[in-house]
Structures are given as C-alpha cells and as structure tokens.
Amino acid sequence: MSPVALQDLNASDRARFVSVCGPVFESSPWIAERTWPLRPFATLQAVHRALVATVEAASQEEKLALIRAHPDLVGRLAEAPALGALSAGEQAAAGLTSLSLEEAERFRSSNRAYHDRFGFPFVICARENRKEAILRAFPERLRHSRDQEISTALSEIARIAWLRLQDAVVEA
C-alpha cells in the first residue's frame, strides 16, 4: 500500500483512519479508533504522540493485550502463517529468518524463559536491531521487574509504531 498524505489522513473518516493507522500497532486497531477524534494533526510526530498517548491512557489490561498481540521472535507464531506481513518483514530485516539451528534454539529458549517470567512475549524493535543485539538483550531484560519490562515493551512498541507510521503516512 502506498503512503497516505498527512492532509488526507486528517480529512479521512474513521474507517479510513483506522485502515491506515490501525496496523501501526500489532493487531490493536482500538488505538487508532480512539485517536481518530483528535484530528487534525499538524505533523506526523503529532500523530505518533497522540497514538502513544492513547496507549498510555489505556487500562493495564489493554496495555498487556497490546504487548501480547506481538509474536515471539523466531517462535511458534513467527513460524506460523498467522505472522502479520509487517512483523514478518521486520523479523527478516533483523536477520531472524536465516538463523543457524543453534541461534534458533537460543531464541526459542530465551523466549520461553522470558514468557515464563513475565507472561507476555519479548518485544523489541527488530528494525533497529540485528539478531546478535536481540540475543544480548534477553538476559539483560530478564533481570527487570515485571513493571520495568511492561514499560520497556511499551517503549519498544512505540518505536515500532513510529517506523510503521513513517511507512504509512507522508507529510506532503
């Protein structure tokens, strides 16, 4: 899909706004739905800030559902056809689709330990990291408290959303 101009996004109805901004957050169109009434936005950064503010204002259950909407890196969902096109492309860009057997097992083991500790998948902006950096992040983040890790995961989701938003909308 080609990018939408910011002025067109600002003039769009709810359905169009959600079709453009909804995929920015993994399987969570409610964020775009709640942000739509805040239009118009002066800049792309303002759109992103409003979307992130919607997440920040959400309930703890909604935040956890957003984190849980993300697939494991190299995990069962990453290997299934259900992996979204955006996530699949991001994981491929990070080198996660061409792993050795040892690397794949390290990811699966790390994912299990992380999920067992926190109850949700490990989320990191794959477009900003390579497989080696991601593997190094697991042990560090496993030392976090659950609250710290929820905050870290939401920060990573905001980074993912910013990059996806830049792909979807242009300031013409």
N, C-alpha and C. Protein backbone atom coordinates (compact mmCIF):
# COMPACT_ATOMS: atom_id res chain seq x y z
N MET A 1 0.85 -1.18 0.00
CA MET A 1 0.00 0.00 0.00
C MET A 1 0.90 1.24 0.00
N SER A 2 0.58 2.19 -0.85
CA SER A 2 1.40 3.40 -0.90
C SER A 2 1.02 4.33 0.25
N PRO A 3 1.99 5.14 0.69
CA PRO A 3 1.74 6.03 1.82
C PRO A 3 0.62 7.04 1.54
N VAL A 4 -0.07 7.42 2.59
CA VAL A 4 -1.14 8.40 2.54
C VAL A 4 -0.56 9.74 2.97
N ALA A 5 -0.98 10.80 2.33
CA ALA A 5 -0.55 12.14 2.72
C ALA A 5 -1.21 12.51 4.05
N LEU A 6 -0.46 13.21 4.90
CA LEU A 6 -0.98 13.62 6.21
C LEU A 6 -2.28 14.40 6.06
N GLN A 7 -2.35 15.29 5.09
CA GLN A 7 -3.58 16.08 4.92
C GLN A 7 -4.77 15.18 4.58
N ASP A 8 -4.53 14.12 3.82
CA ASP A 8 -5.61 13.17 3.51
C ASP A 8 -5.99 12.35 4.75
N LEU A 9 -5.00 12.00 5.55
CA LEU A 9 -5.29 11.28 6.79
C LEU A 9 -6.14 12.15 7.71
N ASN A 10 -5.79 13.43 7.81
CA ASN A 10 -6.56 14.34 8.66
C ASN A 10 -8.01 14.49 8.19
N ALA A 11 -8.24 14.39 6.88
CA ALA A 11 -9.58 14.56 6.32
C ALA A 11 -10.36 13.24 6.26
N SER A 12 -9.73 12.15 6.63
CA SER A 12 -10.36 10.84 6.47
C SER A 12 -11.45 10.57 7.50
N ASP A 13 -12.36 9.68 7.10
CA ASP A 13 -13.36 9.22 8.06
C ASP A 13 -12.70 8.19 8.99
N ARG A 14 -13.44 7.78 9.99
CA ARG A 14 -12.89 6.86 10.99
C ARG A 14 -12.37 5.58 10.35
N ALA A 15 -13.12 4.99 9.45
CA ALA A 15 -12.72 3.71 8.84
C ALA A 15 -11.40 3.86 8.08
N ARG A 16 -11.26 4.93 7.34
CA ARG A 16 -10.01 5.14 6.57
C ARG A 16 -8.84 5.39 7.51
N PHE A 17 -9.06 6.21 8.54
CA PHE A 17 -8.00 6.49 9.52
C PHE A 17 -7.53 5.19 10.17
N VAL A 18 -8.48 4.35 10.55
CA VAL A 18 -8.14 3.08 11.21
C VAL A 18 -7.44 2.14 10.22
N SER A 19 -7.84 2.17 8.95
CA SER A 19 -7.17 1.29 7.97
C SER A 19 -5.72 1.70 7.76
N VAL A 20 -5.42 2.98 7.91
CA VAL A 20 -4.04 3.46 7.74
C VAL A 20 -3.25 3.32 9.04
N CYS A 21 -3.82 3.79 10.15
CA CYS A 21 -3.08 3.82 11.43
C CYS A 21 -3.27 2.57 12.29
N GLY A 22 -4.31 1.82 12.04
CA GLY A 22 -4.54 0.62 12.84
C GLY A 22 -3.39 -0.38 12.81
N PRO A 23 -2.84 -0.69 11.63
CA PRO A 23 -1.74 -1.67 11.56
C PRO A 23 -0.43 -1.21 12.19
N VAL A 24 -0.34 0.05 12.54
CA VAL A 24 0.87 0.59 13.16
C VAL A 24 1.12 -0.10 14.50
N PHE A 25 0.06 -0.48 15.19
CA PHE A 25 0.14 -1.22 16.45
C PHE A 25 -0.40 -2.62 16.19
N GLU A 26 0.40 -3.62 16.46
CA GLU A 26 0.12 -5.02 16.16
C GLU A 26 -1.27 -5.45 16.62
N SER A 27 -2.14 -5.78 15.67
CA SER A 27 -3.48 -6.34 15.95
C SER A 27 -4.24 -5.55 17.01
N SER A 28 -4.10 -4.22 17.00
CA SER A 28 -4.74 -3.39 18.02
C SER A 28 -5.35 -2.13 17.40
N PRO A 29 -6.35 -2.29 16.51
CA PRO A 29 -6.94 -1.12 15.85
C PRO A 29 -7.66 -0.17 16.81
N TRP A 30 -7.94 -0.62 18.03
CA TRP A 30 -8.61 0.23 19.01
C TRP A 30 -7.81 1.50 19.28
N ILE A 31 -6.51 1.44 19.13
CA ILE A 31 -5.67 2.62 19.38
C ILE A 31 -5.97 3.69 18.34
N ALA A 32 -6.02 3.31 17.08
CA ALA A 32 -6.36 4.27 16.02
C ALA A 32 -7.81 4.75 16.17
N GLU A 33 -8.71 3.85 16.52
CA GLU A 33 -10.12 4.23 16.70
C GLU A 33 -10.27 5.31 17.75
N ARG A 34 -9.57 5.17 18.86
CA ARG A 34 -9.67 6.15 19.95
C ARG A 34 -8.92 7.45 19.63
N THR A 35 -7.97 7.39 18.72
CA THR A 35 -7.17 8.57 18.39
C THR A 35 -7.81 9.40 17.28
N TRP A 36 -8.61 8.80 16.44
CA TRP A 36 -9.23 9.46 15.29
C TRP A 36 -9.91 10.79 15.65
N PRO A 37 -10.68 10.87 16.73
CA PRO A 37 -11.37 12.14 17.02
C PRO A 37 -10.43 13.32 17.31
N LEU A 38 -9.17 13.06 17.55
CA LEU A 38 -8.22 14.12 17.90
C LEU A 38 -7.68 14.85 16.67
N ARG A 39 -8.04 14.39 15.47
CA ARG A 39 -7.58 15.06 14.25
C ARG A 39 -8.06 16.50 14.25
N PRO A 40 -7.44 17.38 13.52
CA PRO A 40 -6.30 17.19 12.62
C PRO A 40 -4.97 17.26 13.38
N PHE A 41 -3.97 16.68 12.77
CA PHE A 41 -2.61 16.67 13.33
C PHE A 41 -1.71 17.53 12.46
N ALA A 42 -0.88 18.34 13.09
CA ALA A 42 -0.01 19.26 12.35
C ALA A 42 1.17 18.54 11.70
N THR A 43 1.63 17.47 12.34
CA THR A 43 2.81 16.75 11.85
C THR A 43 2.64 15.26 12.06
N LEU A 44 3.49 14.51 11.41
CA LEU A 44 3.50 13.07 11.62
C LEU A 44 3.87 12.74 13.06
N GLN A 45 4.80 13.51 13.63
CA GLN A 45 5.17 13.31 15.03
C GLN A 45 3.96 13.53 15.95
N ALA A 46 3.10 14.47 15.60
CA ALA A 46 1.90 14.73 16.41
C ALA A 46 0.94 13.53 16.34
N VAL A 47 0.84 12.91 15.17
CA VAL A 47 0.01 11.71 15.05
C VAL A 47 0.56 10.63 15.98
N HIS A 48 1.87 10.42 15.90
CA HIS A 48 2.51 9.40 16.74
C HIS A 48 2.32 9.70 18.22
N ARG A 49 2.54 10.95 18.62
CA ARG A 49 2.36 11.31 20.03
C ARG A 49 0.94 11.02 20.49
N ALA A 50 -0.05 11.32 19.64
CA ALA A 50 -1.44 11.08 20.01
C ALA A 50 -1.73 9.59 20.12
N LEU A 51 -1.20 8.80 19.20
CA LEU A 51 -1.40 7.35 19.27
C LEU A 51 -0.76 6.78 20.54
N VAL A 52 0.45 7.22 20.85
CA VAL A 52 1.14 6.74 22.05
C VAL A 52 0.41 7.21 23.30
N ALA A 53 -0.12 8.42 23.29
CA ALA A 53 -0.90 8.91 24.44
C ALA A 53 -2.15 8.06 24.65
N THR A 54 -2.73 7.58 23.56
CA THR A 54 -3.89 6.69 23.66
C THR A 54 -3.49 5.40 24.37
N VAL A 55 -2.32 4.87 24.02
CA VAL A 55 -1.82 3.66 24.70
C VAL A 55 -1.57 3.96 26.17
N GLU A 56 -0.93 5.08 26.45
CA GLU A 56 -0.62 5.43 27.84
C GLU A 56 -1.87 5.59 28.68
N ALA A 57 -2.96 6.06 28.07
CA ALA A 57 -4.23 6.26 28.80
C ALA A 57 -5.04 4.97 28.93
N ALA A 58 -4.62 3.92 28.26
CA ALA A 58 -5.35 2.65 28.28
C ALA A 58 -5.22 1.97 29.64
N SER A 59 -6.11 1.05 29.87
CA SER A 59 -6.06 0.28 31.12
C SER A 59 -4.85 -0.66 31.09
N GLN A 60 -4.47 -1.14 32.25
CA GLN A 60 -3.36 -2.10 32.34
C GLN A 60 -3.67 -3.35 31.52
N GLU A 61 -4.92 -3.80 31.55
CA GLU A 61 -5.31 -4.98 30.77
C GLU A 61 -5.14 -4.73 29.28
N GLU A 62 -5.51 -3.53 28.82
CA GLU A 62 -5.37 -3.21 27.40
C GLU A 62 -3.89 -3.12 27.00
N LYS A 63 -3.08 -2.57 27.87
CA LYS A 63 -1.64 -2.49 27.59
C LYS A 63 -1.04 -3.89 27.49
N LEU A 64 -1.42 -4.76 28.40
CA LEU A 64 -0.92 -6.14 28.36
C LEU A 64 -1.43 -6.86 27.11
N ALA A 65 -2.66 -6.61 26.70
CA ALA A 65 -3.19 -7.22 25.47
C ALA A 65 -2.39 -6.73 24.26
N LEU A 66 -2.02 -5.46 24.27
CA LEU A 66 -1.20 -4.92 23.18
C LEU A 66 0.16 -5.62 23.13
N ILE A 67 0.79 -5.78 24.27
CA ILE A 67 2.08 -6.47 24.31
C ILE A 67 1.90 -7.92 23.84
N ARG A 68 0.85 -8.57 24.31
CA ARG A 68 0.62 -9.97 23.96
C ARG A 68 0.23 -10.16 22.49
N ALA A 69 -0.19 -9.09 21.83
CA ALA A 69 -0.52 -9.18 20.40
C ALA A 69 0.71 -9.37 19.54
N HIS A 70 1.89 -9.10 20.10
CA HIS A 70 3.13 -9.25 19.35
C HIS A 70 3.57 -10.71 19.31
N PRO A 71 4.07 -11.14 18.16
CA PRO A 71 4.54 -12.53 18.06
C PRO A 71 5.90 -12.70 18.72
N ASP A 72 6.19 -13.92 19.12
CA ASP A 72 7.55 -14.24 19.57
C ASP A 72 8.50 -14.04 18.42
N LEU A 73 9.70 -13.63 18.73
CA LEU A 73 10.74 -13.56 17.72
C LEU A 73 11.25 -14.98 17.50
N VAL A 74 11.11 -15.48 16.30
CA VAL A 74 11.58 -16.81 15.93
C VAL A 74 10.81 -17.91 16.66
N GLY A 75 9.71 -17.58 17.24
CA GLY A 75 8.95 -18.57 18.00
C GLY A 75 7.88 -19.23 17.17
N ARG A 76 6.99 -19.93 17.85
CA ARG A 76 5.92 -20.68 17.20
C ARG A 76 5.09 -19.78 16.29
N LEU A 77 4.66 -18.60 16.77
CA LEU A 77 3.85 -17.72 15.94
C LEU A 77 4.65 -17.13 14.79
N ALA A 78 5.95 -16.95 14.99
CA ALA A 78 6.78 -16.42 13.92
C ALA A 78 6.90 -17.42 12.78
N GLU A 79 6.70 -18.68 13.08
CA GLU A 79 6.81 -19.72 12.05
C GLU A 79 5.46 -20.03 11.43
N ALA A 80 4.40 -19.54 12.02
CA ALA A 80 3.06 -19.84 11.54
C ALA A 80 2.65 -18.84 10.46
N PRO A 81 1.69 -19.23 9.62
CA PRO A 81 1.20 -18.31 8.60
C PRO A 81 0.51 -17.09 9.21
N ALA A 82 0.16 -17.15 10.49
CA ALA A 82 -0.55 -16.05 11.13
C ALA A 82 0.32 -14.83 11.38
N LEU A 83 1.63 -14.95 11.22
CA LEU A 83 2.51 -13.81 11.43
C LEU A 83 2.15 -12.72 10.43
N GLY A 84 1.86 -11.52 10.92
CA GLY A 84 1.49 -10.43 10.05
C GLY A 84 2.61 -10.04 9.10
N ALA A 85 2.23 -9.48 7.96
CA ALA A 85 3.21 -9.11 6.94
C ALA A 85 4.22 -8.10 7.48
N LEU A 86 3.77 -7.14 8.29
CA LEU A 86 4.69 -6.15 8.83
C LEU A 86 5.70 -6.81 9.76
N SER A 87 5.22 -7.65 10.66
CA SER A 87 6.13 -8.34 11.58
C SER A 87 7.08 -9.26 10.84
N ALA A 88 6.57 -9.94 9.83
CA ALA A 88 7.42 -10.86 9.06
C ALA A 88 8.55 -10.09 8.38
N GLY A 89 8.24 -8.96 7.79
CA GLY A 89 9.26 -8.15 7.14
C GLY A 89 10.27 -7.60 8.12
N GLU A 90 9.80 -7.19 9.28
CA GLU A 90 10.71 -6.65 10.30
C GLU A 90 11.63 -7.73 10.84
N GLN A 91 11.10 -8.93 11.06
CA GLN A 91 11.94 -10.01 11.55
C GLN A 91 12.96 -10.42 10.50
N ALA A 92 12.56 -10.41 9.24
CA ALA A 92 13.50 -10.74 8.17
C ALA A 92 14.61 -9.70 8.10
N ALA A 93 14.27 -8.42 8.25
CA ALA A 93 15.27 -7.35 8.19
C ALA A 93 16.29 -7.47 9.32
N ALA A 94 15.89 -8.03 10.44
CA ALA A 94 16.79 -8.21 11.58
C ALA A 94 17.63 -9.48 11.44
N GLY A 95 17.41 -10.23 10.39
CA GLY A 95 18.17 -11.46 10.19
C GLY A 95 17.60 -12.65 10.91
N LEU A 96 16.33 -12.57 11.31
CA LEU A 96 15.75 -13.63 12.12
C LEU A 96 15.16 -14.77 11.30
N THR A 97 15.20 -14.64 9.99
CA THR A 97 14.68 -15.72 9.14
C THR A 97 15.81 -16.57 8.56
N SER A 98 17.03 -16.23 8.91
CA SER A 98 18.18 -17.01 8.41
C SER A 98 19.11 -17.34 9.57
N LEU A 99 18.58 -18.08 10.52
CA LEU A 99 19.33 -18.44 11.72
C LEU A 99 19.91 -19.84 11.60
N SER A 100 21.03 -20.03 12.26
CA SER A 100 21.55 -21.39 12.39
C SER A 100 20.64 -22.15 13.36
N LEU A 101 20.77 -23.46 13.40
CA LEU A 101 19.97 -24.25 14.34
C LEU A 101 20.26 -23.82 15.78
N GLU A 102 21.53 -23.54 16.08
CA GLU A 102 21.91 -23.11 17.43
C GLU A 102 21.27 -21.76 17.77
N GLU A 103 21.29 -20.81 16.83
CA GLU A 103 20.68 -19.50 17.09
C GLU A 103 19.18 -19.63 17.28
N ALA A 104 18.54 -20.43 16.45
CA ALA A 104 17.09 -20.63 16.57
C ALA A 104 16.75 -21.22 17.93
N GLU A 105 17.55 -22.17 18.40
CA GLU A 105 17.29 -22.75 19.72
C GLU A 105 17.52 -21.72 20.82
N ARG A 106 18.53 -20.87 20.69
CA ARG A 106 18.76 -19.81 21.68
C ARG A 106 17.56 -18.86 21.74
N PHE A 107 16.99 -18.53 20.60
CA PHE A 107 15.80 -17.68 20.58
C PHE A 107 14.63 -18.38 21.25
N ARG A 108 14.39 -19.63 20.90
CA ARG A 108 13.27 -20.36 21.49
C ARG A 108 13.43 -20.48 23.01
N SER A 109 14.62 -20.81 23.45
CA SER A 109 14.90 -20.93 24.89
C SER A 109 14.72 -19.59 25.60
N SER A 110 15.24 -18.53 25.01
CA SER A 110 15.11 -17.20 25.60
C SER A 110 13.66 -16.75 25.63
N ASN A 111 12.92 -17.01 24.55
CA ASN A 111 11.50 -16.67 24.52
C ASN A 111 10.74 -17.38 25.64
N ARG A 112 11.04 -18.67 25.83
CA ARG A 112 10.36 -19.45 26.89
C ARG A 112 10.67 -18.85 28.26
N ALA A 113 11.94 -18.58 28.53
CA ALA A 113 12.32 -18.01 29.84
C ALA A 113 11.66 -16.66 30.06
N TYR A 114 11.63 -15.86 29.03
CA TYR A 114 11.03 -14.52 29.13
C TYR A 114 9.53 -14.63 29.38
N HIS A 115 8.86 -15.45 28.58
CA HIS A 115 7.41 -15.61 28.74
C HIS A 115 7.07 -16.21 30.10
N ASP A 116 7.86 -17.17 30.56
CA ASP A 116 7.62 -17.76 31.88
C ASP A 116 7.76 -16.72 32.99
N ARG A 117 8.70 -15.81 32.83
CA ARG A 117 8.93 -14.79 33.86
C ARG A 117 7.89 -13.69 33.84
N PHE A 118 7.51 -13.22 32.63
CA PHE A 118 6.65 -12.03 32.54
C PHE A 118 5.22 -12.29 32.08
N GLY A 119 4.97 -13.41 31.42
CA GLY A 119 3.62 -13.72 30.96
C GLY A 119 3.24 -13.07 29.65
N PHE A 120 4.20 -12.57 28.92
CA PHE A 120 3.95 -11.99 27.60
C PHE A 120 5.22 -12.12 26.77
N PRO A 121 5.09 -11.93 25.45
CA PRO A 121 6.26 -12.12 24.58
C PRO A 121 7.28 -10.99 24.71
N PHE A 122 8.51 -11.32 24.42
CA PHE A 122 9.62 -10.36 24.35
C PHE A 122 9.38 -9.46 23.14
N VAL A 123 9.32 -8.15 23.37
CA VAL A 123 9.09 -7.21 22.28
C VAL A 123 10.30 -6.30 22.17
N ILE A 124 10.84 -6.21 20.96
CA ILE A 124 11.95 -5.32 20.68
C ILE A 124 11.77 -4.83 19.24
N CYS A 125 12.19 -3.65 18.96
CA CYS A 125 12.08 -3.10 17.61
C CYS A 125 13.10 -3.79 16.72
N ALA A 126 12.65 -4.81 16.01
CA ALA A 126 13.55 -5.62 15.18
C ALA A 126 14.19 -4.79 14.08
N ARG A 127 13.50 -3.79 13.58
CA ARG A 127 14.08 -2.96 12.51
C ARG A 127 15.28 -2.16 12.99
N GLU A 128 15.39 -1.96 14.27
CA GLU A 128 16.51 -1.20 14.82
C GLU A 128 17.58 -2.10 15.43
N ASN A 129 17.43 -3.40 15.32
CA ASN A 129 18.36 -4.35 15.93
C ASN A 129 18.63 -5.50 14.98
N ARG A 130 19.78 -6.09 15.14
CA ARG A 130 20.13 -7.31 14.42
C ARG A 130 20.00 -8.47 15.41
N LYS A 131 20.05 -9.68 14.89
CA LYS A 131 19.83 -10.86 15.73
C LYS A 131 20.79 -10.92 16.91
N GLU A 132 22.06 -10.53 16.71
CA GLU A 132 23.04 -10.60 17.80
C GLU A 132 22.65 -9.66 18.95
N ALA A 133 22.23 -8.45 18.60
CA ALA A 133 21.82 -7.48 19.63
C ALA A 133 20.57 -7.94 20.36
N ILE A 134 19.67 -8.56 19.63
CA ILE A 134 18.44 -9.06 20.25
C ILE A 134 18.77 -10.18 21.23
N LEU A 135 19.63 -11.09 20.82
CA LEU A 135 20.02 -12.17 21.73
C LEU A 135 20.72 -11.63 22.98
N ARG A 136 21.52 -10.57 22.84
CA ARG A 136 22.18 -9.96 24.00
C ARG A 136 21.18 -9.25 24.92
N ALA A 137 20.06 -8.79 24.37
CA ALA A 137 19.06 -8.07 25.16
C ALA A 137 18.26 -8.99 26.08
N PHE A 138 18.09 -10.23 25.69
CA PHE A 138 17.28 -11.15 26.52
C PHE A 138 17.77 -11.23 27.96
N PRO A 139 19.04 -11.59 28.23
CA PRO A 139 19.46 -11.74 29.63
C PRO A 139 19.36 -10.44 30.42
N GLU A 140 19.64 -9.33 29.76
CA GLU A 140 19.54 -8.03 30.44
C GLU A 140 18.10 -7.74 30.85
N ARG A 141 17.18 -7.94 29.92
CA ARG A 141 15.79 -7.64 30.20
C ARG A 141 15.16 -8.66 31.14
N LEU A 142 15.67 -9.87 31.18
CA LEU A 142 15.16 -10.85 32.14
C LEU A 142 15.46 -10.44 33.58
N ARG A 143 16.39 -9.53 33.79
CA ARG A 143 16.69 -9.03 35.14
C ARG A 143 15.73 -7.93 35.58
N HIS A 144 14.92 -7.41 34.67
CA HIS A 144 13.96 -6.35 35.01
C HIS A 144 12.85 -6.88 35.91
N SER A 145 12.21 -5.97 36.62
CA SER A 145 10.97 -6.31 37.30
C SER A 145 9.87 -6.37 36.23
N ARG A 146 8.74 -6.94 36.59
CA ARG A 146 7.64 -7.02 35.62
C ARG A 146 7.20 -5.63 35.20
N ASP A 147 7.09 -4.69 36.15
CA ASP A 147 6.68 -3.33 35.80
C ASP A 147 7.70 -2.66 34.87
N GLN A 148 8.98 -2.85 35.14
CA GLN A 148 10.01 -2.30 34.26
C GLN A 148 9.88 -2.88 32.85
N GLU A 149 9.60 -4.16 32.79
CA GLU A 149 9.53 -4.80 31.48
C GLU A 149 8.28 -4.42 30.72
N ILE A 150 7.18 -4.19 31.41
CA ILE A 150 5.99 -3.67 30.74
C ILE A 150 6.31 -2.31 30.13
N SER A 151 6.97 -1.47 30.90
CA SER A 151 7.36 -0.15 30.41
C SER A 151 8.32 -0.25 29.22
N THR A 152 9.30 -1.14 29.32
CA THR A 152 10.25 -1.33 28.22
C THR A 152 9.55 -1.85 26.98
N ALA A 153 8.67 -2.83 27.14
CA ALA A 153 7.94 -3.38 25.99
C ALA A 153 7.09 -2.30 25.32
N LEU A 154 6.43 -1.47 26.12
CA LEU A 154 5.61 -0.39 25.54
C LEU A 154 6.47 0.64 24.83
N SER A 155 7.65 0.91 25.34
CA SER A 155 8.58 1.81 24.65
C SER A 155 9.01 1.24 23.31
N GLU A 156 9.31 -0.05 23.29
CA GLU A 156 9.69 -0.71 22.04
C GLU A 156 8.53 -0.69 21.05
N ILE A 157 7.33 -0.90 21.55
CA ILE A 157 6.14 -0.86 20.69
C ILE A 157 5.97 0.54 20.10
N ALA A 158 6.23 1.57 20.88
CA ALA A 158 6.15 2.94 20.36
C ALA A 158 7.18 3.16 19.24
N ARG A 159 8.38 2.59 19.39
CA ARG A 159 9.41 2.69 18.33
C ARG A 159 8.95 1.96 17.07
N ILE A 160 8.41 0.77 17.24
CA ILE A 160 7.89 0.00 16.10
C ILE A 160 6.79 0.81 15.41
N ALA A 161 5.89 1.38 16.20
CA ALA A 161 4.78 2.15 15.65
C ALA A 161 5.28 3.37 14.88
N TRP A 162 6.32 4.05 15.38
CA TRP A 162 6.86 5.21 14.70
C TRP A 162 7.38 4.82 13.31
N LEU A 163 8.13 3.76 13.24
CA LEU A 163 8.68 3.32 11.95
C LEU A 163 7.57 2.89 11.00
N ARG A 164 6.58 2.18 11.50
CA ARG A 164 5.45 1.77 10.66
C ARG A 164 4.65 2.98 10.19
N LEU A 165 4.47 3.95 11.08
CA LEU A 165 3.72 5.15 10.72
C LEU A 165 4.44 5.92 9.61
N GLN A 166 5.76 6.01 9.69
CA GLN A 166 6.54 6.67 8.64
C GLN A 166 6.38 5.97 7.30
N ASP A 167 6.17 4.65 7.33
CA ASP A 167 5.93 3.91 6.09
C ASP A 167 4.53 4.15 5.54
N ALA A 168 3.57 4.45 6.42
CA ALA A 168 2.16 4.54 6.04
C ALA A 168 1.70 5.96 5.68
N VAL A 169 2.36 6.97 6.26
CA VAL A 169 1.90 8.36 6.09
C VAL A 169 3.08 9.25 5.74
N VAL A 170 2.87 10.16 4.83
CA VAL A 170 3.91 11.14 4.47
C VAL A 170 3.39 12.54 4.71
N GLU A 171 4.29 13.41 5.11
CA GLU A 171 3.95 14.83 5.27
C GLU A 171 4.24 15.51 3.94
N ALA A 172 3.21 15.63 3.12
CA ALA A 172 3.40 16.17 1.77
C ALA A 172 3.37 17.69 1.76
